[in-house]
Amino acid sequence: MAEFTMELSEDQKQVRDWIHGFSAEVIRPAAAEWDEREETPWPVIQEAAKVGIYSLDFYAQQFFDPTGLGIPMAMEELFWGDAGIALSIVGTGLAAIGVVANGTEEQIGTWIPQMYGTPDDVKVAAFCSSEPDAGSDVGAMRTRAVYDRAKDEWVLNGTKTWATNGGIANVHIVVAVVDPELGTKGHASFIIPPGTPGLAQGQKFKKHGIRASHTAEVILEDVRIPGSCLLGGKDKLDERLARARERAAAGGGERVKNAAMATFEASRPAVGAMAVGTARAAYEVALDYARTRTQFGRPIIDNQGVAFQLADMRTKIDAARLLVWRASWMAVSGKPFTSAEGSMSKLYASEVAKEVTAQAVQILGGNGFTREYPVERMHRDSAIYTIFEGTSEIQRLVIARTLAGVPIR
């Protein structure tokens, strides 16, 4: 277990500076164009692949950083560049992590390369969990997967929504219900290979922010996949379902569900780091503008009304980063989130991003309201952080129930 420290190692600083340089030189110059186009920025993803940022190896190295700071540091720097493009770069990682966490060695070796492709022929992957009636309430999921024993195939039917890269992905990872009576413990994940009949893109969403990231519905109509596409395999699934049924019969279902919630807790600091990156970017634009913009014969930063806003912005950004780093360190160190520290970090960083970007627009005045300056885009992008990966309301619910010792349902 690594001791917590506020000082990054030389290796960590080099990685941070490398990612920052890519964001400054490649992502930022392209941000406005791809926001306007509302299309996947394939050329930028290709550049990220060429330098090694768009790859499983890169994310694995950051994930296994013993301090826990590799992933939040990388997310902050990428999203400092631009939230929409950064999400296009990291979105495949959600699907890849699903395979790495639940798949067999054969599945990992077969499908992960197909998710990323090559620097000359990049691919993306999609993780499909949310549904029209099952967002925060994962237990309301309706997409079904039925096993056809005679053909050793799974048949999937349902509709997924809010899927990053949904429909354009080379590989889709779909969460579906295999045993409705077991609630969330009756879910399993499946690999949908490229070109599988029955999978189609539904509505592509025209979004308020993160517009360079493709978000769409995924329609599944009698999608047949080989039995080998069940992540982890049929034997492992049968054993897990049998244990869940035994626990449910013994009255232990709630305890199992809380263990799943604890897993979600550990993933939330990464989203908090994304929010910190966007907030920091907006703050830096506002600070530079306040230093150079003159009114009444002096820079506007000389006015307390502006200076105090910047002081509050910087303080809140640093506080948000500290919460993210603490939760990330706790997760990698195996320390329990007794006060829902993972949700705390995501909640606070998300709210700070919305507040700081709004203040940045205000400091720039009329210029901040135009697309000539990036804070307008950053303000729009920041709205997503309080919504996806668990809304702020859900985070507050998790924190409150954890503090009260009440089961999280």
Foldseek 3Di string as FASTA:
>chain_A
DDDDDPDDDPVLVVVLVVLLVLLVPPQQVCALVLLVVLAAPVVSLLVCQVVPNQAPVQVVVQPVPLQLCSLLSNLLSNLLSPLLNSCSRCQQVVVLVVQVVFADPVSNVPPRCLQQPHSVDGFHEKEFQADPPPAVNSLPFAWAWEADVVQQKIWTFDKTFFIFCAARGQKYKYKHAHDNVLGPLRIFIFIQHGPFPQKHWDDWDDALASSNITTTMIGGDRGIDHQNRTGNGDVVSVVSVVVSVVCVVVVNSLVVVLVVVQVLLLPQLSLLSSLLSLLVSLLVVLVVQQQPDDDPHHRNCVDPVSVVLSVVLVVLSVVLVVLSSVSSSCSSVVHGPLQSSSLVSLLSSLVSSLVSLVSSLVSVPPVSCDPVDCSVNSNSHSVCSCPPSAHSVRSVVVNVCSVVVHRDD
